[in-house]
């Protein structure tokens, strides 16, 4: 996923977001670098779908290629002594519309049945599983679960069928 490369890429801070040096008490030009050292059981990726500047605000509608099964981040780790980890997509939130307004929905995998559901306000409906990889313009947040991850205590189980009947 290109967004992970962009997240961990070294960047030059500009004049508007310069670093404040506590020793000399001045704002200085600097670089910023974020690294991944450990991988969590549950990985949440927030796709920055809105762009802001001093003069411009807009939604980014560029299609994103989303791996569904076996998503690997091992090559992105700064820690050289890491285990081989793969992730599977278990949920997505979507935003349809523009920056000034729009609508959010979610889709999620029922781990017991292996079926995918869409949550749209008070309506819940079964949907086809996303293709692997899937390409979308609306994903806003992606939720991945580590393969072979213990599930006890990570996510509260919900019975969608029972919730729909109530």
Protein backbone atom coordinates (compact mmCIF):
# COMPACT_ATOMS: atom_id res chain seq x y z
CA UNK A 1 0.00 0.00 0.00
CA UNK A 2 1.54 3.24 -1.13
CA UNK A 3 0.02 5.15 1.80
CA UNK A 4 2.31 3.26 4.23
CA UNK A 5 5.35 4.31 2.18
CA UNK A 6 4.17 7.92 2.25
CA UNK A 7 3.50 7.73 6.01
CA UNK A 8 7.04 6.51 6.76
CA UNK A 9 8.84 8.70 4.21
CA UNK A 10 11.17 11.39 5.55
CA UNK A 11 9.75 14.85 4.93
CA UNK A 12 11.13 18.35 5.08
CA UNK A 13 9.06 20.56 7.37
CA UNK A 14 8.10 23.86 5.79
CA UNK A 15 7.99 27.35 7.23
CA UNK A 16 4.37 26.92 8.33
CA UNK A 17 5.12 23.75 10.32
CA UNK A 18 8.72 24.36 11.41
CA UNK A 19 10.16 22.71 14.52
CA UNK A 20 10.55 24.76 17.69
CA UNK A 21 14.02 24.33 19.24
CA UNK A 22 13.75 24.55 23.04
CA UNK A 23 17.49 25.38 23.39
CA UNK A 24 17.74 28.37 21.07
CA UNK A 25 14.03 29.20 21.39
CA UNK A 26 13.55 29.58 17.63
CA UNK A 27 11.54 27.88 14.95
CA UNK A 28 13.95 25.92 12.73
CA UNK A 29 13.63 24.05 9.47
CA UNK A 30 13.87 20.34 10.15
CA UNK A 31 12.99 16.92 8.79
CA UNK A 32 10.46 14.50 10.22
CA UNK A 33 10.54 10.70 9.90
CA UNK A 34 8.04 8.22 11.29
CA UNK A 35 8.92 4.52 11.58
CA UNK A 36 7.00 1.36 12.38
CA UNK A 37 8.74 -0.74 15.04
CA UNK A 38 6.08 -3.23 16.10
CA UNK A 39 2.89 -4.45 14.50
CA UNK A 40 -0.37 -4.58 16.48
CA UNK A 41 -2.99 -7.34 16.60
CA UNK A 42 -5.55 -4.90 15.17
CA UNK A 43 -4.29 -2.41 12.59
CA UNK A 44 -6.41 0.65 11.76
CA UNK A 45 -5.44 2.69 8.73
CA UNK A 46 -7.03 6.12 8.40
CA UNK A 47 -6.90 7.25 4.79
CA UNK A 48 -6.57 11.01 4.60
CA UNK A 49 -9.39 11.66 2.13
CA UNK A 50 -9.64 15.40 2.78
CA UNK A 51 -7.08 17.97 1.70
CA UNK A 52 -6.71 21.31 3.45
CA UNK A 53 -4.55 24.30 2.69
CA UNK A 54 -4.75 27.98 3.43
CA UNK A 55 -6.88 28.63 0.35
CA UNK A 56 -8.28 25.26 -0.64
CA UNK A 57 -10.33 22.45 0.91
CA UNK A 58 -11.31 19.40 -1.08
CA UNK A 59 -12.09 15.69 -0.90
CA UNK A 60 -9.54 13.32 -2.43
CA UNK A 61 -11.42 10.85 -4.63
CA UNK A 62 -8.40 8.96 -5.95
CA UNK A 63 -9.10 5.21 -6.12
CA UNK A 64 -7.17 3.19 -3.54
CA UNK A 65 -6.04 -0.41 -4.01
CA UNK A 66 -6.89 -2.24 -0.79
CA UNK A 67 -5.44 -5.67 -0.03
CA UNK A 68 -8.06 -7.92 1.57
CA UNK A 69 -6.13 -11.07 2.57
CA UNK A 70 -2.49 -11.52 3.49
CA UNK A 71 -1.56 -7.83 3.67
CA UNK A 72 2.13 -7.68 4.69
CA UNK A 73 3.97 -4.84 6.40
CA UNK A 74 7.17 -6.66 7.31
CA UNK A 75 9.33 -4.76 4.83
CA UNK A 76 8.10 -1.47 6.32
CA UNK A 77 9.39 -2.20 9.83
CA UNK A 78 12.44 -0.35 11.14
CA UNK A 79 12.98 -3.18 13.63
CA UNK A 80 15.17 -5.80 11.92
CA UNK A 81 14.22 -8.54 14.39
CA UNK A 82 10.57 -8.90 13.52
CA UNK A 83 8.33 -11.84 12.92
CA UNK A 84 6.56 -12.47 9.62
CA UNK A 85 3.08 -10.95 10.00
CA UNK A 86 0.08 -10.90 7.64
CA UNK A 87 -3.23 -9.09 8.04
CA UNK A 88 -6.76 -9.68 6.76
CA UNK A 89 -9.28 -6.90 6.23
CA UNK A 90 -12.20 -7.16 8.68
CA UNK A 91 -13.96 -3.79 8.33
CA UNK A 92 -14.08 -0.53 6.38
CA UNK A 93 -15.80 2.78 6.87
CA UNK A 94 -16.80 4.69 3.75
CA UNK A 95 -17.53 8.35 3.01
CA UNK A 96 -19.70 9.31 0.05
CA UNK A 97 -20.12 12.97 -0.82
CA UNK A 98 -18.04 16.09 -0.57
CA UNK A 99 -16.10 17.88 2.10
CA UNK A 100 -19.03 20.06 3.17
CA UNK A 101 -21.37 17.13 3.60
CA UNK A 102 -21.79 13.50 2.87
CA UNK A 103 -22.74 10.17 4.31
CA UNK A 104 -20.80 7.52 6.22
CA UNK A 105 -21.41 3.79 6.00
CA UNK A 106 -19.44 0.78 7.20
CA UNK A 107 -18.87 -2.76 6.03
CA UNK A 108 -17.59 -5.53 8.25
CA UNK A 109 -16.84 -9.23 8.28
CA UNK A 110 -18.74 -11.51 10.64
CA UNK A 111 -15.92 -13.75 11.86
CA UNK A 112 -18.28 -16.60 12.77
CA UNK A 113 -20.13 -16.87 9.46
CA UNK A 114 -17.45 -15.37 7.19
CA UNK A 115 -20.12 -13.12 5.63
CA UNK A 116 -19.77 -9.39 5.00
CA UNK A 117 -22.40 -6.87 6.09
CA UNK A 118 -23.05 -3.25 5.25
CA UNK A 119 -24.17 -0.88 8.00
CA UNK A 120 -26.04 2.12 6.62
CA UNK A 121 -27.76 4.13 9.34
CA UNK A 122 -30.33 1.73 10.84
CA UNK A 123 -30.17 -0.71 7.90
CA UNK A 124 -27.93 -3.76 7.99
CA UNK A 125 -27.66 -5.95 4.92
CA UNK A 126 -25.47 -8.79 3.74
CA UNK A 127 -23.10 -7.87 0.89
CA UNK A 128 -20.63 -9.71 -1.31
CA UNK A 129 -17.14 -10.09 0.10
CA UNK A 130 -14.74 -7.52 -1.34
CA UNK A 131 -12.55 -8.72 -4.20
CA UNK A 132 -8.87 -9.18 -3.36
CA UNK A 133 -7.51 -6.63 -3.91
CA UNK A 134 -10.46 -4.29 -3.97
CA UNK A 135 -10.33 -0.81 -5.47
CA UNK A 136 -12.42 1.97 -4.04
CA UNK A 137 -12.93 5.72 -3.98
CA UNK A 138 -14.99 5.77 -0.78
CA UNK A 139 -12.91 3.91 1.88
CA UNK A 140 -12.03 6.22 4.75
CA UNK A 141 -10.82 3.82 7.44
CA UNK A 142 -9.57 0.25 7.10
CA UNK A 143 -9.50 -2.26 9.96
CA UNK A 144 -7.20 -5.26 9.67
CA UNK A 145 -6.78 -8.23 12.03
CA UNK A 146 -3.48 -10.02 12.28
CA UNK A 147 -3.66 -13.60 10.98
CA UNK A 148 -3.45 -16.12 13.82
CA UNK A 149 -4.17 -13.33 16.30
CA UNK A 150 -5.83 -14.27 19.57
CA UNK A 151 -9.32 -12.78 19.47
CA UNK A 152 -10.10 -12.91 23.19
CA UNK A 153 -10.48 -9.38 24.48
CA UNK A 154 -9.48 -7.70 21.22
CA UNK A 155 -12.90 -7.05 19.78
CA UNK A 156 -16.25 -7.58 21.39
CA UNK A 157 -18.25 -10.18 19.50
CA UNK A 158 -21.60 -9.01 18.17
CA UNK A 159 -24.32 -11.22 16.77
CA UNK A 160 -25.61 -9.21 13.80
CA UNK A 161 -28.61 -11.50 13.27
CA UNK A 162 -29.75 -11.03 16.90
CA UNK A 163 -29.22 -7.27 16.72
CA UNK A 164 -31.26 -7.06 13.50
CA UNK A 165 -34.22 -8.88 15.11
CA UNK A 166 -34.42 -6.46 18.05
